[in-house]
Amino acid sequence: MAHVILGADAIHAPLTGIGRYAYELATRLPQCEGVESLRFYSLGQWISSEAVQARAKTVSTEELNRPTLRRVLAGNKLAVRAYSTLMPIWSRWRMQKERHALFHSPNYFLPPFPGKSVATIHDLSHIVCPQFHPAARVELLKRDLPKTMERADFLITDAESVRREVIEHFDWPEDRICAVPLGVDTSFHPRTSEETSAVMHRYGLVHGGYSLYVGTIEPRKNLARLIRAYARLPESLRMNVPLVLAGSRGWQAEEIHDLMMLGANAGWLRYLDFVPQEDLPFLYAGARLFCFPSLYEGFGLPPLEAMASGIPVLTSSTSSLPEVVGDVGLKVQPEDEASIAYALGHALQDEVWRAQVSANGVNRSLAFTWAQCASSTSAIYSHL
């Protein structure tokens, strides 16, 4: 039985990606057989389980777009350097009496710790495709991730493809790293037009009448090619089934927003900006197709959520995405704009294929649960 300390830095609304992963572990690990106790450590401080829950509460669009000290400092190289220099010194002092506990960082970075420690490495995009990140983030990862490797007793990745990348890039022992797939929330499931009607009305959409992308608006998601590929579809198809993009504005998104504006002015594209978590399951379930031709992913939760919602998925044939969608999703070479356009036309119009993959996607999604993710993680603690 392990006394576990879980890093909670990433848990803050809106819960996407790493934040969702950390929160699911925070809420499910206490029920796992191998966990005797669970405490939370964030930004050099101990925090309560109540504070973790409060951090995860839904935020409004206004709150999301409001500048915060955390966001301002994250983009400042000097601030990032100061943080990464001073925080380990502080953490070493705070943790000196925790030798009999196990520390798990669900977000790359391990502080100095006297007992056993585990880190989750979600991807190596700062190495594989550094152009998709702000310079301060790349510098932080290149400087501090090797320190995590020195401190860690064991590593976790979300996908086997990332596991192999870590082994190859860092010459990491194969028996000290394991891929633990993420899960999908039970709120994502097929819904009828009656069940989605309130959300459809709120966003001015028609059930089964739009293609959907959910995620940050940033270059790594390959949205410029997706939009240009959509523009190649016959006008009648584009107008009847517009492309809907939902997500907050990310880094280096100017070109994407320019293309979005052109599509919106032509009447076949809608940008919803940030969508509250409670609306997302209905937005997924109301779509005709889910589009996610990302250039690189450490896992890719949105395609899994779409499959669970009974929606056909078009995604990339690269990185971890084939592990998520298997033979259910329609996979394309993400840099081939013509292939994306051809696949879009097929996915939107082939009713036999659509019916088949809709059912198969739901069945495949059942294998990915947060309970299993937490249980597999707990088993690693017990092994250590």
Protein backbone atom coordinates (compact mmCIF):
# COMPACT_ATOMS: atom_id res chain seq x y z
CA MET A 1 0.00 0.00 0.00
CA ALA A 2 1.44 3.34 -1.06
CA HIS A 3 1.31 6.74 0.59
CA VAL A 4 1.06 8.87 -2.55
CA ILE A 5 1.76 12.55 -3.15
CA LEU A 6 0.26 13.74 -6.44
CA GLY A 7 1.44 16.91 -8.16
CA ALA A 8 -1.59 19.14 -8.75
CA ASP A 9 -0.07 22.06 -10.69
CA ALA A 10 -1.97 21.15 -13.87
CA ILE A 11 -5.39 21.02 -12.22
CA HIS A 12 -7.08 24.28 -13.11
CA ALA A 13 -10.18 25.00 -15.16
CA PRO A 14 -10.89 24.48 -17.97
CA LEU A 15 -9.82 20.85 -17.62
CA THR A 16 -8.30 19.81 -20.93
CA GLY A 17 -5.52 17.36 -21.69
CA ILE A 18 -3.04 17.12 -18.82
CA GLY A 19 -5.35 18.94 -16.41
CA ARG A 20 -8.13 16.40 -17.05
CA TYR A 21 -5.67 13.52 -16.58
CA ALA A 22 -4.36 14.89 -13.27
CA TYR A 23 -7.89 15.58 -12.00
CA GLU A 24 -9.13 12.09 -12.86
CA LEU A 25 -6.21 10.57 -10.98
CA ALA A 26 -6.85 12.90 -8.04
CA THR A 27 -10.48 11.79 -7.74
CA ARG A 28 -10.05 8.06 -8.52
CA LEU A 29 -6.77 7.01 -6.89
CA PRO A 30 -8.24 7.05 -3.35
CA GLN A 31 -10.54 4.18 -4.41
CA CYS A 32 -7.66 2.09 -5.80
CA GLU A 33 -6.51 -0.94 -3.88
CA GLY A 34 -2.83 -0.02 -3.80
CA VAL A 35 -3.26 3.53 -2.48
CA GLU A 36 -3.38 3.91 1.30
CA SER A 37 -3.35 7.72 1.36
CA LEU A 38 -3.26 10.57 -1.15
CA ARG A 39 -2.03 14.13 -0.66
CA PHE A 40 -1.67 16.98 -3.14
CA TYR A 41 1.30 19.24 -3.79
CA SER A 42 1.14 22.29 -6.07
CA LEU A 43 3.59 25.08 -6.79
CA GLY A 44 5.56 24.40 -3.61
CA GLN A 45 2.53 24.12 -1.31
CA TRP A 46 0.39 21.36 0.17
CA ILE A 47 -3.24 21.77 -0.90
CA SER A 48 -6.43 20.05 0.25
CA SER A 49 -8.73 17.79 -1.78
CA GLU A 50 -11.33 20.55 -1.48
CA ALA A 51 -8.92 22.98 -3.13
CA VAL A 52 -8.38 20.48 -5.95
CA GLN A 53 -12.13 20.30 -6.55
CA ALA A 54 -12.42 24.09 -6.46
CA ARG A 55 -9.66 24.47 -9.05
CA ALA A 56 -11.48 22.15 -11.43
CA LYS A 57 -14.76 24.11 -11.44
CA THR A 58 -15.97 25.38 -14.81
CA VAL A 59 -14.90 28.90 -15.76
CA SER A 60 -16.67 31.38 -17.99
CA THR A 61 -15.29 32.64 -21.30
CA GLU A 62 -14.57 35.99 -19.63
CA GLU A 63 -12.56 34.31 -16.84
CA LEU A 64 -10.71 32.15 -19.36
CA ASN A 65 -9.62 35.13 -21.47
CA ARG A 66 -8.70 37.29 -18.48
CA PRO A 67 -4.90 37.71 -18.16
CA THR A 68 -3.50 35.96 -15.08
CA LEU A 69 -0.09 36.10 -13.43
CA ARG A 70 0.38 32.40 -14.27
CA ARG A 71 -0.17 32.98 -18.02
CA VAL A 72 1.96 36.12 -18.15
CA LEU A 73 4.89 34.46 -16.37
CA ALA A 74 4.62 31.27 -18.49
CA GLY A 75 5.54 33.25 -21.60
CA ASN A 76 8.44 35.09 -19.96
CA LYS A 77 11.81 33.34 -20.32
CA LEU A 78 13.36 35.06 -17.31
CA ALA A 79 10.39 34.19 -15.09
CA VAL A 80 10.44 30.58 -16.26
CA ARG A 81 14.18 30.32 -15.57
CA ALA A 82 13.80 31.82 -12.11
CA TYR A 83 10.95 29.44 -11.29
CA SER A 84 12.81 26.35 -12.46
CA THR A 85 15.88 27.40 -10.44
CA LEU A 86 14.21 28.34 -7.16
CA MET A 87 11.31 25.88 -6.94
CA PRO A 88 13.47 22.72 -6.67
CA ILE A 89 15.38 24.29 -3.76
CA TRP A 90 12.10 25.04 -1.99
CA SER A 91 10.64 21.61 -2.79
CA ARG A 92 13.73 19.78 -1.51
CA TRP A 93 13.23 21.50 1.85
CA ARG A 94 9.45 20.86 1.92
CA MET A 95 9.86 17.18 1.02
CA GLN A 96 12.78 16.23 3.23
CA LYS A 97 10.59 14.23 5.66
CA GLU A 98 8.62 12.33 2.97
CA ARG A 99 11.08 9.49 2.33
CA HIS A 100 8.44 6.80 2.92
CA ALA A 101 5.94 8.30 0.46
CA LEU A 102 5.82 8.09 -3.34
CA PHE A 103 5.64 11.24 -5.46
CA HIS A 104 3.87 11.22 -8.84
CA SER A 105 4.10 14.19 -11.17
CA PRO A 106 1.36 13.92 -13.81
CA ASN A 107 2.91 16.79 -15.74
CA TYR A 108 6.51 16.03 -16.79
CA PHE A 109 8.52 17.68 -14.02
CA LEU A 110 9.68 15.97 -10.82
CA PRO A 111 10.93 18.02 -7.88
CA PRO A 112 13.79 16.67 -5.75
CA PHE A 113 12.25 13.93 -3.61
CA PRO A 114 13.82 11.58 -1.04
CA GLY A 115 11.50 8.61 -1.76
CA LYS A 116 10.30 6.79 -4.86
CA SER A 117 9.06 9.01 -7.69
CA VAL A 118 7.08 8.64 -10.92
CA ALA A 119 6.55 11.12 -13.77
CA THR A 120 4.10 11.07 -16.65
CA ILE A 121 5.63 12.19 -19.96
CA HIS A 122 2.68 13.02 -22.22
CA ASP A 123 4.65 13.67 -25.39
CA LEU A 124 8.01 14.80 -26.75
CA SER A 125 6.64 17.47 -29.07
CA HIS A 126 9.26 19.96 -27.85
CA ILE A 127 11.85 17.63 -29.44
CA VAL A 128 9.87 16.19 -32.37
CA CYS A 129 8.28 19.48 -33.47
CA PRO A 130 9.59 22.41 -31.37
CA GLN A 131 8.23 24.95 -33.88
CA PHE A 132 4.76 24.38 -32.43
CA HIS A 133 5.65 25.77 -28.99
CA PRO A 134 6.63 29.16 -27.58
CA ALA A 135 10.39 29.45 -27.13
CA ALA A 136 10.09 29.72 -23.32
CA ARG A 137 8.26 26.38 -23.12
CA VAL A 138 10.80 24.60 -25.33
CA GLU A 139 13.68 26.01 -23.28
CA LEU A 140 12.04 24.89 -20.01
CA LEU A 141 11.43 21.34 -21.25
CA LYS A 142 14.90 20.94 -22.74
CA ARG A 143 16.53 22.18 -19.55
CA ASP A 144 14.34 20.51 -16.90
CA LEU A 145 13.04 17.28 -18.45
CA PRO A 146 16.52 15.66 -18.25
CA LYS A 147 16.44 16.45 -14.51
CA THR A 148 13.17 14.52 -14.24
CA MET A 149 14.88 11.59 -15.97
CA GLU A 150 17.65 11.68 -13.36
CA ARG A 151 15.18 11.74 -10.46
CA ALA A 152 12.50 9.31 -11.68
CA ASP A 153 12.30 5.67 -10.63
CA PHE A 154 9.61 5.02 -13.23
CA LEU A 155 7.96 6.82 -16.17
CA ILE A 156 4.43 6.68 -17.56
CA THR A 157 3.28 7.69 -21.03
CA ASP A 158 -0.25 7.88 -22.44
CA ALA A 159 0.58 5.89 -25.59
CA GLU A 160 3.03 3.26 -26.81
CA SER A 161 4.30 5.59 -29.55
CA VAL A 162 5.45 8.12 -26.92
CA ARG A 163 6.91 5.30 -24.80
CA ARG A 164 9.10 4.32 -27.75
CA GLU A 165 10.12 7.97 -28.32
CA VAL A 166 11.20 8.36 -24.69
CA ILE A 167 13.21 5.12 -24.79
CA GLU A 168 14.96 6.18 -27.99
CA HIS A 169 15.58 9.87 -27.20
CA PHE A 170 16.73 9.36 -23.60
CA ASP A 171 18.12 5.81 -23.78
CA TRP A 172 15.62 4.96 -21.04
CA PRO A 173 15.39 1.33 -19.75
CA GLU A 174 12.37 -0.43 -21.28
CA ASP A 175 11.41 -2.07 -17.98
CA ARG A 176 11.08 1.31 -16.23
CA ILE A 177 8.46 2.90 -18.48
CA CYS A 178 4.88 1.87 -19.20
CA ALA A 179 2.10 3.17 -21.47
CA VAL A 180 -1.19 3.73 -19.60
CA PRO A 181 -4.00 4.86 -21.92
CA LEU A 182 -6.28 7.70 -20.85
CA GLY A 183 -10.03 7.34 -20.36
CA VAL A 184 -13.22 8.92 -21.60
CA ASP A 185 -15.87 10.39 -19.32
CA THR A 186 -19.26 8.66 -19.24
CA SER A 187 -20.94 11.95 -20.16
CA PHE A 188 -19.83 11.27 -23.75
CA HIS A 189 -22.37 8.92 -25.36
CA PRO A 190 -24.76 8.95 -28.34
CA ARG A 191 -27.72 11.31 -28.04
CA THR A 192 -30.87 11.89 -30.08
CA SER A 193 -31.74 15.22 -31.69
CA GLU A 194 -34.28 15.77 -28.91
CA GLU A 195 -31.56 15.36 -26.29
CA THR A 196 -29.21 17.82 -28.00
CA SER A 197 -31.87 20.35 -28.99
CA ALA A 198 -31.21 22.87 -26.18
CA VAL A 199 -27.47 23.06 -26.93
CA MET A 200 -28.08 23.09 -30.69
CA HIS A 201 -30.45 26.02 -30.26
CA ARG A 202 -27.98 27.88 -28.04
CA TYR A 203 -25.23 27.70 -30.69
CA GLY A 204 -27.45 27.99 -33.74
CA LEU A 205 -26.59 24.50 -35.02
CA VAL A 206 -28.57 21.61 -36.50
CA HIS A 207 -28.22 18.08 -35.12
CA GLY A 208 -26.28 16.00 -37.65
CA GLY A 209 -25.66 19.11 -39.76
CA TYR A 210 -22.05 20.12 -39.05
CA SER A 211 -18.48 18.85 -38.89
CA LEU A 212 -16.73 19.48 -35.58
CA TYR A 213 -13.23 20.16 -34.26
CA VAL A 214 -12.62 20.57 -30.51
CA GLY A 215 -9.26 21.73 -29.15
CA THR A 216 -6.91 24.67 -28.91
CA ILE A 217 -6.59 26.82 -32.02
CA GLU A 218 -2.89 26.34 -32.74
CA PRO A 219 -0.58 25.19 -35.59
CA ARG A 220 0.12 21.70 -34.18
CA LYS A 221 -3.54 20.82 -34.67
CA ASN A 222 -3.14 21.30 -38.45
CA LEU A 223 -6.23 23.53 -38.68
CA ALA A 224 -4.97 25.62 -41.60
CA ARG A 225 -4.85 22.52 -43.80
CA LEU A 226 -8.20 21.33 -42.47
CA ILE A 227 -9.87 24.62 -43.35
CA ARG A 228 -8.27 24.76 -46.81
CA ALA A 229 -9.29 21.12 -47.41
CA TYR A 230 -12.85 21.91 -46.37
CA ALA A 231 -12.86 24.79 -48.86
CA ARG A 232 -12.22 22.21 -51.62
CA LEU A 233 -15.52 20.43 -50.95
CA PRO A 234 -18.48 21.14 -53.26
CA GLU A 235 -20.15 24.37 -52.20
CA SER A 236 -23.50 22.70 -51.56
CA LEU A 237 -21.87 20.21 -49.17
CA ARG A 238 -19.96 22.94 -47.34
CA MET A 239 -23.07 25.08 -46.93
CA ASN A 240 -25.27 22.19 -45.78
CA VAL A 241 -22.65 20.81 -43.38
CA PRO A 242 -20.51 23.72 -42.14
CA LEU A 243 -17.23 23.25 -40.29
CA VAL A 244 -17.52 24.19 -36.61
CA LEU A 245 -14.38 24.89 -34.55
CA ALA A 246 -14.57 24.99 -30.75
CA GLY A 247 -11.60 25.94 -28.61
CA SER A 248 -9.57 28.72 -27.08
CA ARG A 249 -7.08 30.73 -29.10
CA GLY A 250 -3.59 29.31 -28.74
CA TRP A 251 -0.08 30.33 -29.71
CA GLN A 252 0.81 31.52 -33.23
CA ALA A 253 -2.80 31.27 -34.47
CA GLU A 254 -2.97 34.33 -36.73
CA GLU A 255 -3.00 32.43 -40.05
CA ILE A 256 -5.65 30.03 -38.77
CA HIS A 257 -7.92 32.86 -37.63
CA ASP A 258 -7.52 34.60 -40.98
CA LEU A 259 -8.64 31.42 -42.77
CA MET A 260 -11.48 31.00 -40.29
CA MET A 261 -12.67 34.51 -41.07
CA LEU A 262 -12.72 33.77 -44.80
CA GLY A 263 -14.74 30.60 -44.27
CA ALA A 264 -17.12 32.35 -41.88
CA ASN A 265 -17.69 35.20 -44.34
CA ALA A 266 -18.47 32.63 -47.04
CA GLY A 267 -21.03 31.01 -44.76
CA TRP A 268 -19.52 27.53 -44.30
CA LEU A 269 -17.47 27.92 -41.09
CA ARG A 270 -18.36 28.76 -37.50
CA TYR A 271 -15.97 29.53 -34.66
CA LEU A 272 -17.49 29.01 -31.22
CA ASP A 273 -14.38 29.95 -29.18
CA PHE A 274 -14.23 28.30 -25.74
CA VAL A 275 -17.18 25.97 -25.03
CA PRO A 276 -18.06 25.11 -21.39
CA GLN A 277 -17.39 21.51 -20.40
CA GLU A 278 -21.06 20.80 -19.74
CA ASP A 279 -21.97 21.65 -23.36
CA LEU A 280 -19.25 19.55 -25.02
CA PRO A 281 -20.94 16.10 -24.80
CA PHE A 282 -24.00 17.53 -26.59
CA LEU A 283 -21.87 19.36 -29.16
CA TYR A 284 -20.05 16.11 -29.96
CA ALA A 285 -23.24 14.04 -30.13
CA GLY A 286 -24.88 16.51 -32.51
CA ALA A 287 -22.06 16.46 -35.07
CA ARG A 288 -22.07 14.61 -38.38
CA LEU A 289 -18.27 14.18 -38.39
CA PHE A 290 -15.41 14.86 -36.01
CA CYS A 291 -12.24 16.26 -37.63
CA PHE A 292 -8.87 15.98 -35.90
CA PRO A 293 -5.99 15.81 -38.44
CA SER A 294 -3.37 16.85 -35.87
CA LEU A 295 0.32 16.75 -36.79
CA TYR A 296 1.41 15.27 -33.46
CA GLU A 297 -0.40 14.04 -30.33
CA GLY A 298 0.69 12.30 -27.18
CA PHE A 299 -2.73 10.65 -27.01
CA GLY A 300 -5.64 12.66 -28.41
CA LEU A 301 -8.64 12.71 -26.09
CA PRO A 302 -11.04 14.51 -28.49
CA PRO A 303 -11.21 11.65 -31.06
CA LEU A 304 -11.92 9.23 -28.21
CA GLU A 305 -14.69 11.47 -26.90
CA ALA A 306 -16.16 11.66 -30.41
CA MET A 307 -16.11 7.87 -30.81
CA ALA A 308 -17.84 7.46 -27.45
CA SER A 309 -20.48 9.92 -28.70
CA GLY A 310 -21.16 7.74 -31.75
CA ILE A 311 -19.64 10.20 -34.22
CA PRO A 312 -17.44 9.13 -37.17
CA VAL A 313 -13.86 10.36 -36.76
CA LEU A 314 -11.37 11.66 -39.33
CA THR A 315 -7.89 11.88 -37.86
CA SER A 316 -4.19 11.50 -38.65
CA SER A 317 -2.20 8.38 -39.42
CA THR A 318 0.72 9.66 -37.34
CA SER A 319 1.96 9.72 -33.71
CA SER A 320 -0.40 8.19 -31.13
CA LEU A 321 -3.69 8.73 -32.95
CA PRO A 322 -3.87 5.30 -34.65
CA GLU A 323 -3.58 3.74 -31.17
CA VAL A 324 -6.70 5.60 -30.09
CA VAL A 325 -8.97 5.12 -33.10
CA GLY A 326 -7.67 1.72 -34.27
CA ASP A 327 -9.40 0.60 -37.47
CA VAL A 328 -12.52 2.60 -36.59
CA GLY A 329 -11.38 6.10 -37.54
CA LEU A 330 -10.67 7.35 -41.04
CA LYS A 331 -6.93 8.11 -41.00
CA VAL A 332 -5.19 10.55 -43.37
CA GLN A 333 -1.65 11.74 -43.94
CA PRO A 334 -1.95 15.11 -42.14
CA GLU A 335 0.29 17.08 -44.50
CA ASP A 336 -1.61 15.98 -47.62
CA GLU A 337 -4.33 18.59 -48.09
CA ALA A 338 -5.89 16.84 -51.10
CA SER A 339 -6.18 13.58 -49.17
CA ILE A 340 -7.86 15.38 -46.28
CA ALA A 341 -10.38 16.91 -48.69
CA TYR A 342 -11.10 13.53 -50.33
CA ALA A 343 -11.54 11.87 -46.91
CA LEU A 344 -13.88 14.66 -45.77
CA GLY A 345 -16.12 14.11 -48.79
CA HIS A 346 -16.21 10.36 -48.20
CA ALA A 347 -16.85 10.66 -44.46
CA LEU A 348 -19.69 13.13 -44.90
CA GLN A 349 -21.51 11.28 -47.69
CA ASP A 350 -20.95 7.50 -47.39
CA GLU A 351 -23.94 6.49 -45.26
CA VAL A 352 -23.04 2.78 -45.07
CA TRP A 353 -19.55 3.56 -43.77
CA ARG A 354 -20.90 6.17 -41.37
CA ALA A 355 -23.38 3.78 -39.76
CA GLN A 356 -20.74 1.09 -39.35
CA VAL A 357 -18.02 3.25 -37.77
CA SER A 358 -20.53 4.99 -35.52
CA ALA A 359 -21.39 1.71 -33.80
CA ASN A 360 -17.82 0.40 -33.86
CA GLY A 361 -16.50 3.63 -32.38
CA VAL A 362 -18.79 3.39 -29.38
CA ASN A 363 -17.71 -0.20 -28.80
CA ARG A 364 -14.01 0.67 -29.07
CA SER A 365 -14.35 3.58 -26.64
CA LEU A 366 -15.58 1.23 -23.92
CA ALA A 367 -12.03 -0.08 -23.52
CA PHE A 368 -10.79 3.37 -22.44
CA THR A 369 -11.95 4.27 -18.92
CA TRP A 370 -10.55 6.60 -16.30
CA ALA A 371 -11.11 3.89 -13.69
CA GLN A 372 -8.77 1.59 -15.63
CA CYS A 373 -6.25 4.41 -16.05
CA ALA A 374 -6.19 5.02 -12.28
CA SER A 375 -6.04 1.28 -11.51
CA SER A 376 -3.09 0.72 -13.87
CA THR A 377 -1.31 3.73 -12.36
CA SER A 378 -1.91 2.39 -8.86
CA ALA A 379 -0.41 -0.95 -9.92
CA ILE A 380 2.79 0.87 -10.89
CA TYR A 381 2.95 2.43 -7.42
CA SER A 382 2.59 -1.03 -5.88
CA HIS A 383 5.34 -2.39 -8.14
CA LEU A 384 7.71 0.31 -6.90
